[in-house]
Amino acid sequence: MQTRAIFPGTFDPLTRGHLDLIERAARLFDEVIVAIAMSPGKRPLFALEERLELARHACAALPGVRIEAFTGLLVDFARQQQANVLVRGVRTMGDFDYENQLSGMYRQMMPELEMILLPARPELAAISSTLVREVALHGGDVSPFVTPEIAKAVRQQLGLG
């Protein structure tokens, strides 16, 4: 049986931490779908199509990885994609507690979906999309936290060059 995993998120923007998790998941599973949520309530910096394009470029060299958009319930998307694993990254104990709660909810909604929590590498654990946006808004250099193309896109999106 093929193992198809979903790694969901808003990815606004996709960080080096996200990329590390995607690469690690790609080694574990036959296929990894990076599922980019529309998330209009979060007021993203990048439109959905821009986030898809940036993620496709960043993941282009990773075999077995594809980038898809989704709206609605994640479990409905997982069923549609015939995924049997949900991959989530955890950076802190707070992340773990939250993801553990989600896991219980997902298990009730879709018992056949297994949830795998991957701990962030210590050197990447402090990176979040929110902090990347905050650093960029204050004119800081985000290049240590994202790919060069994404750093350029962030600067352009904020009118910083």
Protein backbone atom coordinates (compact mmCIF):
# COMPACT_ATOMS: atom_id res chain seq x y z
CA MET A 1 0.00 0.00 0.00
CA GLN A 2 1.29 3.43 -0.94
CA THR A 3 1.70 5.89 1.90
CA ARG A 4 0.43 9.33 0.93
CA ALA A 5 1.04 12.03 3.51
CA ILE A 6 -0.35 15.53 3.79
CA PHE A 7 1.67 18.36 5.32
CA PRO A 8 -0.85 21.20 5.77
CA GLY A 9 -0.36 24.85 6.57
CA THR A 10 -0.79 28.41 5.46
CA PHE A 11 2.91 28.74 4.54
CA ASP A 12 2.84 32.54 4.52
CA PRO A 13 5.72 32.39 3.74
CA LEU A 14 7.23 28.92 3.50
CA THR A 15 10.28 28.86 5.80
CA ARG A 16 13.46 26.82 5.99
CA GLY A 17 11.83 25.01 8.91
CA HIS A 18 8.90 24.01 6.70
CA LEU A 19 11.29 22.89 3.97
CA ASP A 20 13.23 20.74 6.41
CA LEU A 21 10.01 19.01 7.51
CA ILE A 22 8.93 18.50 3.89
CA GLU A 23 12.32 16.98 2.99
CA ARG A 24 12.20 14.67 6.01
CA ALA A 25 8.62 13.61 5.26
CA ALA A 26 9.58 12.95 1.63
CA ARG A 27 12.14 10.40 2.85
CA LEU A 28 9.52 8.67 5.01
CA PHE A 29 6.53 8.48 2.69
CA ASP A 30 5.86 7.54 -0.93
CA GLU A 31 4.18 10.87 -1.63
CA VAL A 32 3.89 14.12 0.32
CA ILE A 33 1.21 16.65 -0.51
CA VAL A 34 2.03 20.10 0.79
CA ALA A 35 -1.51 21.33 1.36
CA ILE A 36 -1.68 25.11 1.38
CA ALA A 37 -4.74 26.47 3.14
CA MET A 38 -6.51 29.50 1.79
CA SER A 39 -6.81 30.89 5.37
CA PRO A 40 -8.52 34.22 4.60
CA GLY A 41 -9.12 34.79 8.32
CA LYS A 42 -5.36 35.04 8.88
CA ARG A 43 -5.03 37.92 6.39
CA PRO A 44 -2.00 36.40 4.66
CA LEU A 45 0.81 38.48 3.23
CA PHE A 46 0.73 36.46 -0.01
CA ALA A 47 -2.31 35.48 -2.04
CA LEU A 48 -2.96 31.76 -2.29
CA GLU A 49 -1.64 31.53 -5.87
CA GLU A 50 1.58 33.28 -4.84
CA ARG A 51 2.08 30.89 -1.92
CA LEU A 52 1.49 27.94 -4.24
CA GLU A 53 4.03 29.23 -6.76
CA LEU A 54 6.67 29.96 -4.11
CA ALA A 55 6.21 26.51 -2.58
CA ARG A 56 6.34 24.79 -5.98
CA HIS A 57 9.61 26.53 -6.75
CA ALA A 58 11.10 25.75 -3.31
CA CYS A 59 10.12 22.06 -3.52
CA ALA A 60 10.80 21.49 -7.23
CA ALA A 61 13.81 19.25 -6.62
CA LEU A 62 12.07 17.04 -4.06
CA PRO A 63 10.83 13.77 -5.55
CA GLY A 64 7.39 12.64 -4.49
CA VAL A 65 6.34 16.11 -3.28
CA ARG A 66 3.45 18.00 -4.79
CA ILE A 67 1.84 21.28 -3.85
CA GLU A 68 -1.94 21.67 -3.66
CA ALA A 69 -4.36 24.28 -2.36
CA PHE A 70 -7.29 23.40 -0.14
CA THR A 71 -10.25 25.04 1.53
CA GLY A 72 -12.64 23.65 4.07
CA LEU A 73 -11.93 20.80 6.44
CA LEU A 74 -8.53 19.16 6.25
CA VAL A 75 -10.07 15.70 6.75
CA ASP A 76 -12.26 16.24 3.67
CA PHE A 77 -9.16 17.16 1.66
CA ALA A 78 -7.34 14.10 3.04
CA ARG A 79 -10.21 11.85 1.93
CA GLN A 80 -10.30 13.48 -1.50
CA GLN A 81 -6.54 12.93 -1.89
CA GLN A 82 -6.74 9.39 -0.44
CA ALA A 83 -4.10 10.32 2.12
CA ASN A 84 -3.49 8.05 5.07
CA VAL A 85 -0.98 10.15 7.03
CA LEU A 86 -1.05 13.71 8.32
CA VAL A 87 2.36 15.24 9.07
CA ARG A 88 2.68 18.15 11.46
CA GLY A 89 5.76 19.90 12.76
CA VAL A 90 6.22 20.78 16.42
CA ARG A 91 8.65 23.37 17.76
CA THR A 92 7.55 23.68 21.38
CA MET A 93 5.56 21.87 24.05
CA GLY A 94 2.74 24.30 23.28
CA ASP A 95 2.77 23.11 19.67
CA PHE A 96 2.73 19.51 20.90
CA ASP A 97 -0.28 20.11 23.16
CA TYR A 98 -2.20 21.83 20.36
CA GLU A 99 -1.36 19.14 17.81
CA ASN A 100 -2.29 16.42 20.30
CA GLN A 101 -5.73 18.01 20.68
CA LEU A 102 -6.10 18.21 16.89
CA SER A 103 -5.07 14.59 16.60
CA GLY A 104 -7.95 13.48 18.81
CA MET A 105 -10.42 15.51 16.77
CA TYR A 106 -9.07 14.23 13.44
CA ARG A 107 -9.16 10.64 14.73
CA GLN A 108 -12.87 10.98 15.46
CA MET A 109 -13.56 12.54 12.06
CA MET A 110 -11.32 10.22 10.03
CA PRO A 111 -10.07 7.21 12.03
CA GLU A 112 -7.96 5.89 9.16
CA LEU A 113 -5.82 9.06 9.06
CA GLU A 114 -2.66 8.58 11.13
CA MET A 115 -0.99 11.68 12.52
CA ILE A 116 2.80 11.96 12.68
CA LEU A 117 4.45 14.76 14.65
CA LEU A 118 7.96 15.67 13.53
CA PRO A 119 10.01 17.75 15.94
CA ALA A 120 11.72 20.77 14.45
CA ARG A 121 15.49 20.63 14.28
CA PRO A 122 16.85 22.78 17.15
CA GLU A 123 18.56 25.21 14.79
CA LEU A 124 15.24 25.79 12.96
CA ALA A 125 12.83 25.69 15.91
CA ALA A 126 12.72 29.47 16.38
CA ILE A 127 11.63 30.12 12.79
CA SER A 128 7.96 30.79 12.12
CA SER A 129 6.17 32.47 9.25
CA THR A 130 4.78 35.03 11.70
CA LEU A 131 8.26 35.98 12.90
CA VAL A 132 9.59 36.11 9.34
CA ARG A 133 6.82 38.57 8.42
CA GLU A 134 7.50 40.61 11.57
CA VAL A 135 11.25 40.82 10.87
CA ALA A 136 10.54 41.85 7.27
CA LEU A 137 7.99 44.50 8.32
CA HIS A 138 10.68 46.13 10.45
CA GLY A 139 13.20 46.10 7.61
CA GLY A 140 15.22 43.13 8.86
CA ASP A 141 16.96 40.55 6.71
CA VAL A 142 14.86 37.38 6.41
CA SER A 143 17.33 35.50 4.20
CA PRO A 144 18.54 33.20 7.02
CA PHE A 145 14.97 31.95 7.49
CA VAL A 146 13.66 31.45 3.93
CA THR A 147 14.99 30.60 0.48
CA PRO A 148 16.51 33.45 -1.59
CA GLU A 149 13.47 33.54 -3.88
CA ILE A 150 11.07 33.77 -0.95
CA ALA A 151 13.20 36.48 0.73
CA LYS A 152 13.02 38.50 -2.50
CA ALA A 153 9.25 37.95 -2.77
CA VAL A 154 8.75 39.08 0.85
CA ARG A 155 10.74 42.28 0.24
CA GLN A 156 8.79 42.98 -2.95
CA GLN A 157 5.44 42.27 -1.32
CA LEU A 158 6.25 44.76 1.44
CA GLY A 159 7.65 47.33 -0.99
CA LEU A 160 11.15 47.03 0.44
CA GLY A 161 13.07 46.36 -2.73
